[in-house]
Protein backbone atom coordinates (compact mmCIF):
# COMPACT_ATOMS: atom_id res chain seq x y z
CA UNK A 1 13.97 25.55 33.49
CA UNK A 2 14.54 22.89 35.02
CA UNK A 3 11.21 20.76 34.67
CA UNK A 4 11.81 20.78 30.73
CA UNK A 5 15.29 19.81 31.10
CA UNK A 6 14.23 16.74 32.95
CA UNK A 7 11.58 16.36 30.23
CA UNK A 8 14.08 16.03 27.19
CA UNK A 9 16.04 14.03 29.56
CA UNK A 10 13.23 11.42 30.30
CA UNK A 11 13.44 9.54 26.93
CA UNK A 12 17.82 8.78 27.37
CA UNK A 13 16.44 7.96 30.68
CA UNK A 14 13.30 5.43 30.39
CA UNK A 15 15.63 3.95 27.25
CA UNK A 16 18.30 3.30 29.27
CA UNK A 17 16.12 0.91 32.08
CA UNK A 18 14.40 -0.26 29.30
CA UNK A 19 14.21 -4.48 30.37
CA UNK A 20 14.39 -5.64 26.89
CA UNK A 21 17.25 -3.64 24.92
CA UNK A 22 19.77 -2.77 28.25
CA UNK A 23 22.91 -4.50 27.98
CA UNK A 24 23.84 -3.96 31.57
CA UNK A 25 21.59 -4.33 34.56
CA UNK A 26 21.98 -3.12 37.78
CA UNK A 27 20.27 -5.29 40.62
CA UNK A 28 17.75 -4.02 42.90
CA UNK A 29 15.99 -4.69 46.19
CA UNK A 30 14.07 -8.33 45.66
CA UNK A 31 14.96 -9.12 42.33
CA UNK A 32 16.27 -12.83 41.57
CA UNK A 33 18.12 -14.17 38.10
CA UNK A 34 15.16 -15.73 36.76
CA UNK A 35 12.86 -12.49 36.69
CA UNK A 36 15.81 -10.50 35.38
CA UNK A 37 15.92 -13.21 32.54
CA UNK A 38 12.24 -12.92 31.93
CA UNK A 39 12.38 -8.79 31.76
CA UNK A 40 15.12 -9.27 29.62
CA UNK A 41 14.07 -11.93 26.94
CA UNK A 42 17.49 -13.38 27.80
CA UNK A 43 17.83 -16.65 28.83
CA UNK A 44 19.22 -16.75 32.67
CA UNK A 45 22.04 -19.38 31.71
CA UNK A 46 23.05 -17.52 29.40
CA UNK A 47 23.33 -14.90 32.05
CA UNK A 48 25.07 -16.76 34.38
CA UNK A 49 27.29 -17.84 32.29
CA UNK A 50 27.76 -13.85 31.21
CA UNK A 51 28.69 -13.48 34.46
CA UNK A 52 30.81 -16.08 35.35
CA UNK A 53 27.81 -17.04 38.16
CA UNK A 54 27.35 -20.51 39.65
CA UNK A 55 24.07 -22.16 41.15
CA UNK A 56 21.99 -21.34 42.99
CA UNK A 57 22.54 -17.98 41.33
CA UNK A 58 22.52 -15.96 43.78
CA UNK A 59 22.70 -11.80 42.78
CA UNK A 60 23.24 -8.97 45.04
CA UNK A 61 21.52 -5.50 45.36
CA UNK A 62 24.15 -3.24 43.49
CA UNK A 63 26.02 -5.86 41.11
CA UNK A 64 25.83 -4.61 37.55
CA UNK A 65 25.10 -7.98 35.64
CA UNK A 66 25.97 -7.67 31.53
CA UNK A 67 22.85 -8.44 29.65
CA UNK A 68 24.23 -10.40 26.53
CA UNK A 69 22.14 -10.13 23.17
CA UNK A 70 22.41 -11.81 20.40
CA UNK A 71 21.44 -9.92 16.58
CA UNK A 72 20.06 -11.64 13.52
CA UNK A 73 22.34 -11.48 10.25
CA UNK A 74 21.14 -12.47 6.60
CA UNK A 75 23.45 -13.86 4.38
CA UNK A 76 24.28 -11.79 1.20
CA UNK A 77 25.24 -12.94 -2.20
CA UNK A 78 29.48 -14.01 -1.73
CA UNK A 79 29.54 -14.01 1.77
CA UNK A 80 31.33 -16.83 4.24
CA UNK A 81 30.79 -17.83 7.33
CA UNK A 82 34.47 -16.73 8.21
CA UNK A 83 33.88 -13.28 6.68
CA UNK A 84 30.79 -13.11 8.68
CA UNK A 85 32.18 -13.78 11.92
CA UNK A 86 35.20 -11.50 11.29
CA UNK A 87 32.21 -8.54 10.83
CA UNK A 88 30.55 -9.05 14.06
CA UNK A 89 34.19 -10.20 15.82
CA UNK A 90 32.88 -13.32 16.86
CA UNK A 91 34.44 -16.87 16.19
CA UNK A 92 32.62 -19.09 13.79
CA UNK A 93 32.41 -21.87 15.84
CA UNK A 94 30.19 -20.29 18.18
CA UNK A 95 27.96 -18.90 14.96
CA UNK A 96 27.81 -22.73 14.43
CA UNK A 97 26.84 -23.92 17.43
CA UNK A 98 24.11 -21.25 17.80
CA UNK A 99 22.48 -22.01 14.28
CA UNK A 100 22.63 -25.52 14.61
CA UNK A 101 25.86 -25.90 11.79
CA UNK A 102 27.58 -28.84 10.83
CA UNK A 103 30.18 -29.50 8.60
CA UNK A 104 30.88 -28.43 6.13
CA UNK A 105 29.74 -25.00 7.57
CA UNK A 106 27.12 -24.67 4.63
CA UNK A 107 25.26 -21.22 4.63
CA UNK A 108 23.11 -19.36 1.79
CA UNK A 109 22.13 -16.02 0.46
CA UNK A 110 18.75 -15.43 2.26
CA UNK A 111 19.55 -17.61 5.22
CA UNK A 112 19.59 -15.88 8.82
CA UNK A 113 22.21 -16.77 10.87
CA UNK A 114 22.02 -15.83 14.91
CA UNK A 115 25.50 -14.12 15.86
CA UNK A 116 25.95 -14.85 19.40
CA UNK A 117 26.77 -12.27 21.98
CA UNK A 118 29.94 -12.29 23.25
CA UNK A 119 30.97 -10.14 26.65
CA UNK A 120 34.38 -9.91 28.21
CA UNK A 121 35.29 -11.92 31.51
CA UNK A 122 33.78 -11.26 34.07
CA UNK A 123 37.01 -9.45 36.64
CA UNK A 124 35.48 -10.82 39.79
CA UNK A 125 37.16 -12.56 42.70
CA UNK A 126 37.72 -16.48 41.35
CA UNK A 127 35.22 -18.68 42.83
CA UNK A 128 36.24 -22.08 44.60
CA UNK A 129 35.18 -25.00 42.85
CA UNK A 130 32.11 -25.96 44.67
CA UNK A 131 32.57 -30.45 45.03
CA UNK A 132 28.88 -30.55 46.76
CA UNK A 133 25.48 -30.44 44.74
CA UNK A 134 22.84 -28.04 45.51
CA UNK A 135 20.33 -30.76 46.64
CA UNK A 136 16.72 -29.80 45.99
CA UNK A 137 13.18 -31.94 46.91
CA UNK A 138 12.50 -34.38 45.01
CA UNK A 139 8.92 -33.68 45.20
CA UNK A 140 6.84 -31.19 47.51
CA UNK A 141 4.70 -34.11 49.74
CA UNK A 142 5.39 -34.06 53.61
CA UNK A 143 7.79 -36.14 54.66
CA UNK A 144 6.31 -39.54 56.20
CA UNK A 145 9.94 -41.59 57.17
CA UNK A 146 13.10 -39.27 58.19
CA UNK A 147 16.08 -40.75 58.06
CA UNK A 148 18.05 -43.06 61.17
CA UNK A 149 20.89 -44.68 60.85
CA UNK A 150 21.75 -48.26 59.54
CA UNK A 151 20.73 -50.99 61.80
CA UNK A 152 18.08 -53.83 61.81
CA UNK A 153 15.66 -50.56 62.35
CA UNK A 154 17.67 -48.65 60.27
CA UNK A 155 16.02 -45.89 57.44
CA UNK A 156 18.38 -44.61 55.40
CA UNK A 157 16.75 -42.15 53.39
CA UNK A 158 12.63 -40.50 54.14
CA UNK A 159 9.98 -41.54 52.48
CA UNK A 160 7.70 -38.64 51.06
CA UNK A 161 3.76 -38.95 50.50
CA UNK A 162 3.28 -38.52 47.08
CA UNK A 163 -0.43 -39.13 45.11
CA UNK A 164 0.15 -41.64 42.40
CA UNK A 165 1.35 -40.43 38.94
CA UNK A 166 2.80 -37.66 40.42
CA UNK A 167 6.04 -35.91 38.75
CA UNK A 168 9.47 -36.96 40.95
CA UNK A 169 12.24 -34.25 39.71
CA UNK A 170 15.75 -34.74 39.99
CA UNK A 171 17.21 -33.62 43.37
CA UNK A 172 20.62 -32.30 41.07
CA UNK A 173 22.02 -32.05 38.15
CA UNK A 174 23.57 -35.28 37.13
CA UNK A 175 24.13 -38.78 35.17
CA UNK A 176 21.54 -41.99 35.68
CA UNK A 177 23.80 -45.16 36.36
CA UNK A 178 20.79 -46.84 37.35
CA UNK A 179 17.02 -47.18 36.03
CA UNK A 180 15.56 -50.62 36.97
CA UNK A 181 11.80 -51.81 36.93
CA UNK A 182 12.66 -54.36 39.71
CA UNK A 183 15.08 -53.44 42.62
CA UNK A 184 13.73 -55.55 44.74
CA UNK A 185 12.56 -53.23 48.11
CA UNK A 186 12.11 -49.84 46.44
CA UNK A 187 10.56 -51.87 42.86
CA UNK A 188 11.41 -49.19 40.28
CA UNK A 189 14.15 -47.72 41.16
CA UNK A 190 16.90 -44.85 39.74
CA UNK A 191 20.04 -43.54 40.57
CA UNK A 192 21.44 -40.61 39.96
CA UNK A 193 25.53 -40.06 40.29
CA UNK A 194 26.50 -36.19 40.81
CA UNK A 195 30.04 -36.60 40.50
CA UNK A 196 32.35 -36.24 43.07
CA UNK A 197 30.91 -39.21 44.95
CA UNK A 198 28.16 -37.83 45.68
CA UNK A 199 24.80 -40.21 44.45
CA UNK A 200 20.81 -39.68 45.16
CA UNK A 201 18.26 -42.99 44.63
CA UNK A 202 14.63 -42.79 44.03
CA UNK A 203 12.36 -45.76 44.67
CA UNK A 204 8.81 -47.13 44.56
CA UNK A 205 8.10 -45.44 41.02
CA UNK A 206 4.86 -46.06 39.26
CA UNK A 207 6.86 -45.41 35.62
CA UNK A 208 10.76 -44.60 35.03
CA UNK A 209 10.79 -42.01 32.77
CA UNK A 210 14.61 -41.74 32.26
CA UNK A 211 17.25 -44.36 31.35
CA UNK A 212 20.96 -45.61 31.85
CA UNK A 213 23.20 -42.80 30.11
CA UNK A 214 20.78 -40.11 30.42
CA UNK A 215 22.07 -36.47 31.38
CA UNK A 216 19.49 -34.72 33.56
CA UNK A 217 19.30 -31.54 35.36
CA UNK A 218 18.01 -30.13 38.26
CA UNK A 219 14.22 -30.19 39.09
CA UNK A 220 14.13 -32.52 35.61
CA UNK A 221 11.51 -35.23 35.74
CA UNK A 222 12.95 -38.93 35.87
CA UNK A 223 9.99 -40.76 36.97
CA UNK A 224 6.29 -40.85 38.37
CA UNK A 225 4.83 -41.53 41.45
CA UNK A 226 4.06 -45.03 42.86
CA UNK A 227 3.77 -47.72 45.68
CA UNK A 228 6.73 -50.58 44.08
CA UNK A 229 8.46 -52.88 45.87
CA UNK A 230 7.62 -52.93 49.48
CA UNK A 231 5.48 -49.49 49.82
CA UNK A 232 1.96 -49.88 51.34
CA UNK A 233 1.02 -46.90 49.87
CA UNK A 234 1.83 -44.09 47.42
CA UNK A 235 5.43 -42.54 48.60
CA UNK A 236 8.22 -41.41 47.33
CA UNK A 237 11.62 -43.18 48.90
CA UNK A 238 14.68 -40.68 48.31
CA UNK A 239 18.06 -40.73 49.87
CA UNK A 240 21.08 -39.54 49.02
CA UNK A 241 24.52 -41.25 49.54
CA UNK A 242 28.32 -40.27 49.74
CA UNK A 243 30.75 -42.67 48.49
CA UNK A 244 27.92 -45.55 49.42
CA UNK A 245 27.36 -44.18 52.59
CA UNK A 246 24.11 -43.18 53.51
CA UNK A 247 23.67 -39.22 54.25
CA UNK A 248 20.94 -37.33 56.07
CA UNK A 249 18.36 -35.66 53.39
CA UNK A 250 17.43 -33.37 56.05
CA UNK A 251 21.48 -31.72 56.10
CA UNK A 252 21.40 -31.25 52.44
CA UNK A 253 17.52 -30.24 51.16
CA UNK A 254 16.46 -27.07 51.95
CA UNK A 255 14.11 -25.87 54.93
CA UNK A 256 10.54 -26.10 53.88
């Protein structure tokens, strides 16, 4: 009898834990936000926003994550954006953003509209605002020369081994405030401002792939490794500044 009862419940249990359809997920040992997002088919950034997560998006075992899922609506004759928004209980502004609609927000019968999921704001304790970026290595090469305090032989950053044309990545999200072909000592140089007085510099590039004013995300390509300026080999010069004072990158970058 117990066996029959378990068999009857099996479809329900499977459906409740189906990563492709679940609207809540309890984190288990070894899971990451990226892995959960891949299995759910929902962008990690969307899940993070719905659950009030901030970088580096760590999730703890046993935490219940809301999985926001979108729906699709086929516009019918006589429907308006407002009536569709009321039907789903979603602000039309969110529907417009999700579908790339612009004023006057015209919709037509037969048009498919994405209805974004709306979840309640997480009731977790407020997190203290972080004023320092999470820095990541701009290249995976070995460190050729480390940080040395300013002086006659000072070295205000680190030199990283690279191959010609290797991708150089933004160490943290921010805005490009400097992108010059010839900066002198460092040749082609990019500087990214991360807010709150934090900046990073990337020198000796063979090519710059961003321009002044661009907003870049952590890990996004900003250039290609080279030997411009006074470099004697292909390398990346990388440094971190706080209020224009050099900071040892080894103290801010994750351990390799």
